[in-house]
Amino acid sequence: MSARGGFQGRVMPARSQSAITVSISSSRIGRKPCAIRTPPFCFAAGAASCMRERAGSRGGAMLGYIIADAGADGCLAAVALRLEAADIPFAGAIQNNAARDDGQPPDMDLRIIGTERIIRISQMLGPGSTGCRLNAAALEEAAGLVGAALDTGAPRVLLLNRFGRQEAEGRGFRPLIGRALGEGLAVLTVVGADYLSAFADFAGGMAERLPAETEALRRWCHDRVSASVTRE
C-alpha cells in the first residue's frame, strides 16, 4: 500500500480462517462506508431505466465488458495492476487457467483480490466426459468472498472474471454485479460468446463493449470512478 493508502492487490497474510483478509481501504478517491446500503440491484422490469438514470448522471455506462478469448484473463489481471498503481480501490476475482501434464483440460483457479484465497472452480471428470467442469459450489464460495470485500464499502470498481453459464442462470457473480451497480460502482467483466445474448438481456442495453486493451480498460475505470466521485 502506498503512503497515501488505497487498495493493496498483492497477496496479504490472512488473520484467521474465519476472518477474511480484505485489504481494501479508503483512499483519496475511495467511497466512505455508509451505514445504510442500497438494496441488491434487481434486473427485473424497470431496472434498465434505473441504469440509464445512473449512466446519465455519471457520464456513461457503469457496466463494461470484453469478449472472452485466449488473452482475456491476462488482460483483466493487467488492469488490476494498473488500478492498484493508481490507488483506485477495487474488488473482484481474476481467473488463471493452469495447464495440466496429464492431457486433461486446464485447471481453472480464481484469485480473490485482496486475500490469500485461490479457489479452484473446475472439477475433474472421467476420461472422455463431456459434462460441465465448473464446480458451482466453489464459484459460490468465491462470490461470497468478493461480497465480503464489497461489504467494506471501499471498492469503487468490481472486476469479475466471467459472465458465464451460472450468471446467465441467475447464480454465480450475477447478484454481485447487480449489487455493485446499485451501489454506484463501475463493473468490468468478461463475457463468453455463448452467453452474449443472456448478458444483453441481463444488462437491458446498458452495458458498454470495450476493447481488450489494458490502457483503454484502465482509462474506462478511471473515468467512471472520477465521474462518480465528482457527483458525490
C-alpha atoms as a PDB file:
ATOM      1  CA  MET A   1       0.000   0.000   0.000  1.00  0.00           C
ATOM      2  CA  SER A   2       1.334   3.418  -0.849  1.00  0.00           C
ATOM      3  CA  ALA A   3       1.814   6.197   1.681  1.00  0.00           C
ATOM      4  CA  ARG A   4      -1.447   7.688   0.507  1.00  0.00           C
ATOM      5  CA  GLY A   5      -3.379   4.484   1.142  1.00  0.00           C
ATOM      6  CA  GLY A   6      -5.562   2.544  -1.244  1.00  0.00           C
ATOM      7  CA  PHE A   7      -6.134  -0.999  -2.366  1.00  0.00           C
ATOM      8  CA  GLN A   8      -3.351  -3.485  -1.844  1.00  0.00           C
ATOM      9  CA  GLY A   9      -3.757  -6.091  -4.567  1.00  0.00           C
ATOM     10  CA  ARG A  10      -0.817  -8.252  -3.528  1.00  0.00           C
ATOM     11  CA  VAL A  11      -1.439 -11.396  -1.518  1.00  0.00           C
ATOM     12  CA  MET A  12      -1.746 -10.480   2.156  1.00  0.00           C
ATOM     13  CA  PRO A  13      -1.492 -12.815   5.172  1.00  0.00           C
ATOM     14  CA  ALA A  14      -4.859 -13.928   6.470  1.00  0.00           C
ATOM     15  CA  ARG A  15      -5.617 -13.052  10.091  1.00  0.00           C
ATOM     16  CA  SER A  16      -7.523 -16.306  10.626  1.00  0.00           C
ATOM     17  CA  GLN A  17      -9.614 -18.876   8.837  1.00  0.00           C
ATOM     18  CA  SER A  18     -12.810 -17.181   9.957  1.00  0.00           C
ATOM     19  CA  ALA A  19     -11.667 -13.619   9.348  1.00  0.00           C
ATOM     20  CA  ILE A  20     -11.258 -12.956   5.647  1.00  0.00           C
ATOM     21  CA  THR A  21      -8.433 -10.528   4.969  1.00  0.00           C
ATOM     22  CA  VAL A  22      -9.758  -7.926   2.563  1.00  0.00           C
ATOM     23  CA  SER A  23      -7.024  -5.365   2.040  1.00  0.00           C
ATOM     24  CA  ILE A  24      -9.190  -2.621   0.661  1.00  0.00           C
ATOM     25  CA  SER A  25      -9.129   0.746   2.345  1.00  0.00           C
ATOM     26  CA  SER A  26     -10.476   4.197   1.638  1.00  0.00           C
ATOM     27  CA  SER A  27      -8.130   6.437  -0.318  1.00  0.00           C
ATOM     28  CA  ARG A  28      -8.383   9.899  -1.736  1.00  0.00           C
ATOM     29  CA  ILE A  29     -10.814   8.536  -4.308  1.00  0.00           C
ATOM     30  CA  GLY A  30     -12.399   5.883  -2.112  1.00  0.00           C
ATOM     31  CA  ARG A  31     -16.017   5.658  -1.036  1.00  0.00           C
ATOM     32  CA  LYS A  32     -16.978   6.454   2.509  1.00  0.00           C
ATOM     33  CA  PRO A  33     -18.630   3.416   4.072  1.00  0.00           C
ATOM     34  CA  CYS A  34     -22.331   4.021   4.603  1.00  0.00           C
ATOM     35  CA  ALA A  35     -24.460   2.742   7.442  1.00  0.00           C
ATOM     36  CA  ILE A  36     -27.420   2.392   5.097  1.00  0.00           C
ATOM     37  CA  ARG A  37     -26.752   0.352   1.990  1.00  0.00           C
ATOM     38  CA  THR A  38     -28.680   0.263  -1.232  1.00  0.00           C
ATOM     39  CA  PRO A  39     -30.737  -2.949  -1.573  1.00  0.00           C
ATOM     40  CA  PRO A  40     -29.345  -5.527  -4.009  1.00  0.00           C
ATOM     41  CA  PHE A  41     -29.911  -4.432  -7.572  1.00  0.00           C
ATOM     42  CA  CYS A  42     -32.608  -6.439  -9.327  1.00  0.00           C
ATOM     43  CA  PHE A  43     -32.639  -6.697 -13.106  1.00  0.00           C
ATOM     44  CA  ALA A  44     -36.389  -7.031 -13.287  1.00  0.00           C
ATOM     45  CA  ALA A  45     -38.852  -4.794 -15.114  1.00  0.00           C
ATOM     46  CA  GLY A  46     -37.794  -1.171 -14.800  1.00  0.00           C
ATOM     47  CA  ALA A  47     -34.211  -1.911 -13.768  1.00  0.00           C
ATOM     48  CA  ALA A  48     -32.796  -0.828 -17.126  1.00  0.00           C
ATOM     49  CA  SER A  49     -34.349   2.620 -16.680  1.00  0.00           C
ATOM     50  CA  CYS A  50     -32.570   2.886 -13.329  1.00  0.00           C
ATOM     51  CA  MET A  51     -29.287   2.038 -15.043  1.00  0.00           C
ATOM     52  CA  ARG A  52     -29.958   4.680 -17.672  1.00  0.00           C
ATOM     53  CA  GLU A  53     -30.516   7.267 -14.967  1.00  0.00           C
ATOM     54  CA  ARG A  54     -27.260   6.324 -13.272  1.00  0.00           C
ATOM     55  CA  ALA A  55     -25.378   6.309 -16.570  1.00  0.00           C
ATOM     56  CA  GLY A  56     -26.723   9.723 -17.451  1.00  0.00           C
ATOM     57  CA  SER A  57     -25.725  11.201 -14.107  1.00  0.00           C
ATOM     58  CA  ARG A  58     -22.247   9.655 -14.128  1.00  0.00           C
ATOM     59  CA  GLY A  59     -21.235  10.280 -17.720  1.00  0.00           C
ATOM     60  CA  GLY A  60     -21.533   6.801 -19.216  1.00  0.00           C
ATOM     61  CA  ALA A  61     -22.471   3.178 -18.677  1.00  0.00           C
ATOM     62  CA  MET A  62     -21.163   1.762 -15.401  1.00  0.00           C
ATOM     63  CA  LEU A  63     -21.136  -1.819 -16.729  1.00  0.00           C
ATOM     64  CA  GLY A  64     -18.358  -2.625 -19.177  1.00  0.00           C
ATOM     65  CA  TYR A  65     -17.321  -5.909 -20.741  1.00  0.00           C
ATOM     66  CA  ILE A  66     -14.841  -7.513 -23.076  1.00  0.00           C
ATOM     67  CA  ILE A  67     -15.328 -10.658 -25.137  1.00  0.00           C
ATOM     68  CA  ALA A  68     -13.723 -13.792 -23.734  1.00  0.00           C
ATOM     69  CA  ASP A  69     -10.743 -15.032 -25.724  1.00  0.00           C
ATOM     70  CA  ALA A  70      -7.349 -16.537 -25.003  1.00  0.00           C
ATOM     71  CA  GLY A  71      -5.977 -13.262 -23.649  1.00  0.00           C
ATOM     72  CA  ALA A  72      -8.968 -12.006 -21.668  1.00  0.00           C
ATOM     73  CA  ASP A  73      -7.845 -13.261 -18.251  1.00  0.00           C
ATOM     74  CA  GLY A  74      -4.373 -11.790 -18.651  1.00  0.00           C
ATOM     75  CA  CYS A  75      -5.886  -8.509 -19.769  1.00  0.00           C
ATOM     76  CA  LEU A  76      -8.088  -8.302 -16.673  1.00  0.00           C
ATOM     77  CA  ALA A  77      -5.111  -9.126 -14.444  1.00  0.00           C
ATOM     78  CA  ALA A  78      -3.123  -6.332 -16.084  1.00  0.00           C
ATOM     79  CA  VAL A  79      -5.988  -3.901 -15.466  1.00  0.00           C
ATOM     80  CA  ALA A  80      -5.931  -4.886 -11.784  1.00  0.00           C
ATOM     81  CA  LEU A  81      -2.253  -3.936 -11.596  1.00  0.00           C
ATOM     82  CA  ARG A  82      -2.952  -0.571 -13.236  1.00  0.00           C
ATOM     83  CA  LEU A  83      -5.795   0.165 -10.816  1.00  0.00           C
ATOM     84  CA  GLU A  84      -3.580  -0.701  -7.866  1.00  0.00           C
ATOM     85  CA  ALA A  85      -0.839   1.576  -9.178  1.00  0.00           C
ATOM     86  CA  ALA A  86      -3.401   4.391  -9.483  1.00  0.00           C
ATOM     87  CA  ASP A  87      -4.679   3.862  -5.897  1.00  0.00           C
ATOM     88  CA  ILE A  88      -8.170   3.057  -7.133  1.00  0.00           C
ATOM     89  CA  PRO A  89      -9.871   0.718  -4.616  1.00  0.00           C
ATOM     90  CA  PHE A  90     -11.311  -2.362  -6.286  1.00  0.00           C
ATOM     91  CA  ALA A  91     -12.547  -5.856  -5.557  1.00  0.00           C
ATOM     92  CA  GLY A  92     -13.253  -8.959  -7.585  1.00  0.00           C
ATOM     93  CA  ALA A  93     -11.819 -12.203  -8.901  1.00  0.00           C
ATOM     94  CA  ILE A  94      -9.169 -12.900 -11.532  1.00  0.00           C
ATOM     95  CA  GLN A  95      -9.056 -16.249 -13.332  1.00  0.00           C
ATOM     96  CA  ASN A  96      -5.958 -18.255 -14.117  1.00  0.00           C
ATOM     97  CA  ASN A  97      -6.054 -21.461 -16.156  1.00  0.00           C
ATOM     98  CA  ALA A  98      -3.193 -23.760 -15.183  1.00  0.00           C
ATOM     99  CA  ALA A  99      -2.098 -26.330 -17.753  1.00  0.00           C
ATOM    100  CA  ARG A 100      -2.005 -29.962 -16.648  1.00  0.00           C
ATOM    101  CA  ASP A 101       0.601 -32.536 -17.629  1.00  0.00           C
ATOM    102  CA  ASP A 102      -1.831 -35.449 -17.877  1.00  0.00           C
ATOM    103  CA  GLY A 103      -3.606 -34.351 -21.034  1.00  0.00           C
ATOM    104  CA  GLN A 104      -6.688 -33.158 -19.165  1.00  0.00           C
ATOM    105  CA  PRO A 105      -8.135 -29.651 -19.676  1.00  0.00           C
ATOM    106  CA  PRO A 106      -6.510 -26.860 -17.629  1.00  0.00           C
ATOM    107  CA  ASP A 107      -7.422 -26.307 -14.002  1.00  0.00           C
ATOM    108  CA  MET A 108      -9.420 -23.115 -13.505  1.00  0.00           C
ATOM    109  CA  ASP A 109      -8.450 -21.074 -10.452  1.00  0.00           C
ATOM    110  CA  LEU A 110      -9.869 -17.806  -9.150  1.00  0.00           C
ATOM    111  CA  ARG A 111      -7.658 -15.396  -7.234  1.00  0.00           C
ATOM    112  CA  ILE A 112      -9.815 -13.350  -4.890  1.00  0.00           C
ATOM    113  CA  ILE A 113      -8.448  -9.821  -4.964  1.00  0.00           C
ATOM    114  CA  GLY A 114      -7.116  -8.608  -1.629  1.00  0.00           C
ATOM    115  CA  THR A 115      -6.957 -12.022   0.043  1.00  0.00           C
ATOM    116  CA  GLU A 116      -4.739 -15.078   0.048  1.00  0.00           C
ATOM    117  CA  ARG A 117      -7.546 -17.179  -1.308  1.00  0.00           C
ATOM    118  CA  ILE A 118      -7.205 -19.025  -4.589  1.00  0.00           C
ATOM    119  CA  ILE A 119     -10.269 -21.130  -5.286  1.00  0.00           C
ATOM    120  CA  ARG A 120     -10.301 -23.936  -7.837  1.00  0.00           C
ATOM    121  CA  ILE A 121     -13.603 -23.705  -9.685  1.00  0.00           C
ATOM    122  CA  SER A 122     -13.002 -26.644 -12.024  1.00  0.00           C
ATOM    123  CA  GLN A 123     -13.508 -30.277 -11.161  1.00  0.00           C
ATOM    124  CA  MET A 124     -12.009 -33.446 -12.547  1.00  0.00           C
ATOM    125  CA  LEU A 125     -14.263 -35.544 -14.750  1.00  0.00           C
ATOM    126  CA  GLY A 126     -13.756 -39.037 -16.063  1.00  0.00           C
ATOM    127  CA  PRO A 127     -11.819 -39.686 -19.291  1.00  0.00           C
ATOM    128  CA  GLY A 128     -13.872 -38.735 -22.329  1.00  0.00           C
ATOM    129  CA  SER A 129     -16.509 -36.975 -20.237  1.00  0.00           C
ATOM    130  CA  THR A 130     -18.283 -34.059 -21.902  1.00  0.00           C
ATOM    131  CA  GLY A 131     -20.033 -32.790 -18.768  1.00  0.00           C
ATOM    132  CA  CYS A 132     -19.620 -29.339 -17.248  1.00  0.00           C
ATOM    133  CA  ARG A 133     -16.297 -28.992 -15.429  1.00  0.00           C
ATOM    134  CA  LEU A 134     -17.386 -25.984 -13.384  1.00  0.00           C
ATOM    135  CA  ASN A 135     -17.678 -26.579  -9.654  1.00  0.00           C
ATOM    136  CA  ALA A 136     -20.734 -24.444  -8.911  1.00  0.00           C
ATOM    137  CA  ALA A 137     -20.259 -24.662  -5.140  1.00  0.00           C
ATOM    138  CA  ALA A 138     -16.695 -23.352  -5.429  1.00  0.00           C
ATOM    139  CA  LEU A 139     -17.900 -20.478  -7.595  1.00  0.00           C
ATOM    140  CA  GLU A 140     -20.496 -19.547  -4.977  1.00  0.00           C
ATOM    141  CA  GLU A 141     -17.759 -19.620  -2.332  1.00  0.00           C
ATOM    142  CA  ALA A 142     -15.729 -17.206  -4.446  1.00  0.00           C
ATOM    143  CA  ALA A 143     -18.756 -14.950  -4.849  1.00  0.00           C
ATOM    144  CA  GLY A 144     -19.170 -14.882  -1.075  1.00  0.00           C
ATOM    145  CA  LEU A 145     -15.580 -13.730  -0.598  1.00  0.00           C
ATOM    146  CA  VAL A 146     -15.959 -10.976  -3.176  1.00  0.00           C
ATOM    147  CA  GLY A 147     -19.200  -9.954  -1.488  1.00  0.00           C
ATOM    148  CA  ALA A 148     -17.290  -9.612   1.789  1.00  0.00           C
ATOM    149  CA  ALA A 149     -14.952  -7.155   0.064  1.00  0.00           C
ATOM    150  CA  LEU A 150     -17.923  -5.092  -1.088  1.00  0.00           C
ATOM    151  CA  ASP A 151     -19.215  -5.068   2.488  1.00  0.00           C
ATOM    152  CA  THR A 152     -16.282  -2.846   3.485  1.00  0.00           C
ATOM    153  CA  GLY A 153     -17.736  -0.008   1.422  1.00  0.00           C
ATOM    154  CA  ALA A 154     -14.310   0.841  -0.004  1.00  0.00           C
ATOM    155  CA  PRO A 155     -14.220  -0.514  -3.592  1.00  0.00           C
ATOM    156  CA  ARG A 156     -15.028   1.792  -6.475  1.00  0.00           C
ATOM    157  CA  VAL A 157     -14.567  -0.852  -9.178  1.00  0.00           C
ATOM    158  CA  LEU A 158     -15.593  -4.507  -9.400  1.00  0.00           C
ATOM    159  CA  LEU A 159     -13.534  -6.768 -11.684  1.00  0.00           C
ATOM    160  CA  LEU A 160     -15.047 -10.160 -12.425  1.00  0.00           C
ATOM    161  CA  ASN A 161     -13.537 -12.962 -14.447  1.00  0.00           C
ATOM    162  CA  ARG A 162     -16.703 -14.096 -16.242  1.00  0.00           C
ATOM    163  CA  PHE A 163     -20.343 -13.675 -17.008  1.00  0.00           C
ATOM    164  CA  GLY A 164     -20.919 -17.303 -17.923  1.00  0.00           C
ATOM    165  CA  ARG A 165     -23.393 -20.110 -17.588  1.00  0.00           C
ATOM    166  CA  GLN A 166     -24.023 -19.700 -13.867  1.00  0.00           C
ATOM    167  CA  GLU A 167     -24.547 -15.951 -14.236  1.00  0.00           C
ATOM    168  CA  ALA A 168     -26.845 -16.457 -17.223  1.00  0.00           C
ATOM    169  CA  GLU A 169     -28.988 -18.645 -14.955  1.00  0.00           C
ATOM    170  CA  GLY A 170     -29.065 -16.071 -12.156  1.00  0.00           C
ATOM    171  CA  ARG A 171     -26.305 -17.521  -9.988  1.00  0.00           C
ATOM    172  CA  GLY A 172     -22.554 -17.112  -9.569  1.00  0.00           C
ATOM    173  CA  PHE A 173     -21.425 -13.495  -9.671  1.00  0.00           C
ATOM    174  CA  ARG A 174     -24.654 -12.179 -11.157  1.00  0.00           C
ATOM    175  CA  PRO A 175     -26.136 -10.930  -7.846  1.00  0.00           C
ATOM    176  CA  LEU A 176     -22.862  -9.133  -7.078  1.00  0.00           C
ATOM    177  CA  ILE A 177     -22.892  -7.369 -10.441  1.00  0.00           C
ATOM    178  CA  GLY A 178     -26.373  -6.124  -9.696  1.00  0.00           C
ATOM    179  CA  ARG A 179     -25.456  -5.115  -6.172  1.00  0.00           C
ATOM    180  CA  ALA A 180     -22.336  -3.238  -7.277  1.00  0.00           C
ATOM    181  CA  LEU A 181     -24.227  -1.319  -9.951  1.00  0.00           C
ATOM    182  CA  GLY A 182     -26.935  -0.482  -7.446  1.00  0.00           C
ATOM    183  CA  GLU A 183     -24.283   0.951  -5.130  1.00  0.00           C
ATOM    184  CA  GLY A 184     -22.758   3.063  -7.900  1.00  0.00           C
ATOM    185  CA  LEU A 185     -19.611   1.029  -8.630  1.00  0.00           C
ATOM    186  CA  ALA A 186     -18.122   0.571 -12.066  1.00  0.00           C
ATOM    187  CA  VAL A 187     -18.210  -3.102 -13.078  1.00  0.00           C
ATOM    188  CA  LEU A 188     -15.873  -4.669 -15.627  1.00  0.00           C
ATOM    189  CA  THR A 189     -16.296  -8.291 -16.671  1.00  0.00           C
ATOM    190  CA  VAL A 190     -15.590 -10.813 -19.417  1.00  0.00           C
ATOM    191  CA  VAL A 191     -18.420 -12.381 -21.420  1.00  0.00           C
ATOM    192  CA  GLY A 192     -18.150 -15.630 -23.324  1.00  0.00           C
ATOM    193  CA  ALA A 193     -19.528 -15.690 -26.856  1.00  0.00           C
ATOM    194  CA  ASP A 194     -22.102 -18.320 -25.885  1.00  0.00           C
ATOM    195  CA  TYR A 195     -23.574 -16.023 -23.248  1.00  0.00           C
ATOM    196  CA  LEU A 196     -23.698 -12.694 -25.052  1.00  0.00           C
ATOM    197  CA  SER A 197     -27.451 -12.969 -25.570  1.00  0.00           C
ATOM    198  CA  ALA A 198     -28.098 -13.728 -21.894  1.00  0.00           C
ATOM    199  CA  PHE A 199     -25.792 -10.882 -20.892  1.00  0.00           C
ATOM    200  CA  ALA A 200     -27.617  -8.476 -23.205  1.00  0.00           C
ATOM    201  CA  ASP A 201     -30.927  -9.457 -21.614  1.00  0.00           C
ATOM    202  CA  PHE A 202     -29.395  -9.011 -18.172  1.00  0.00           C
ATOM    203  CA  ALA A 203     -27.957  -5.572 -18.917  1.00  0.00           C
ATOM    204  CA  GLY A 204     -31.014  -4.205 -20.700  1.00  0.00           C
ATOM    205  CA  GLY A 205     -28.925  -2.401 -23.306  1.00  0.00           C
ATOM    206  CA  MET A 206     -26.931  -0.501 -20.683  1.00  0.00           C
ATOM    207  CA  ALA A 207     -23.578  -2.289 -20.945  1.00  0.00           C
ATOM    208  CA  GLU A 208     -20.647  -0.966 -22.958  1.00  0.00           C
ATOM    209  CA  ARG A 209     -18.473  -3.287 -25.010  1.00  0.00           C
ATOM    210  CA  LEU A 210     -14.834  -2.331 -24.584  1.00  0.00           C
ATOM    211  CA  PRO A 211     -11.630  -3.227 -26.432  1.00  0.00           C
ATOM    212  CA  ALA A 212      -9.471  -5.855 -24.749  1.00  0.00           C
ATOM    213  CA  GLU A 213      -6.653  -3.350 -24.285  1.00  0.00           C
ATOM    214  CA  THR A 214      -5.211  -2.766 -20.833  1.00  0.00           C
ATOM    215  CA  GLU A 215      -4.818   1.002 -21.029  1.00  0.00           C
ATOM    216  CA  ALA A 216      -8.259   1.529 -22.567  1.00  0.00           C
ATOM    217  CA  LEU A 217      -9.839  -0.516 -19.777  1.00  0.00           C
ATOM    218  CA  ARG A 218      -7.875   1.312 -17.080  1.00  0.00           C
ATOM    219  CA  ARG A 219      -8.968   4.629 -18.528  1.00  0.00           C
ATOM    220  CA  TRP A 220     -12.612   3.478 -18.634  1.00  0.00           C
ATOM    221  CA  CYS A 221     -12.458   2.504 -14.951  1.00  0.00           C
ATOM    222  CA  HIS A 222     -10.710   5.744 -14.008  1.00  0.00           C
ATOM    223  CA  ASP A 223     -13.230   7.881 -15.880  1.00  0.00           C
ATOM    224  CA  ARG A 224     -16.192   6.131 -14.247  1.00  0.00           C
ATOM    225  CA  VAL A 225     -14.694   6.482 -10.784  1.00  0.00           C
ATOM    226  CA  SER A 226     -13.790  10.134 -11.348  1.00  0.00           C
ATOM    227  CA  ALA A 227     -17.303  10.957 -12.549  1.00  0.00           C
ATOM    228  CA  SER A 228     -18.799   9.138  -9.576  1.00  0.00           C
ATOM    229  CA  VAL A 229     -16.621  10.955  -7.025  1.00  0.00           C
ATOM    230  CA  THR A 230     -17.342  14.333  -8.612  1.00  0.00           C
ATOM    231  CA  ARG A 231     -21.078  13.831  -8.185  1.00  0.00           C
ATOM    232  CA  GLU A 232     -20.981  12.588  -4.584  1.00  0.00           C
END
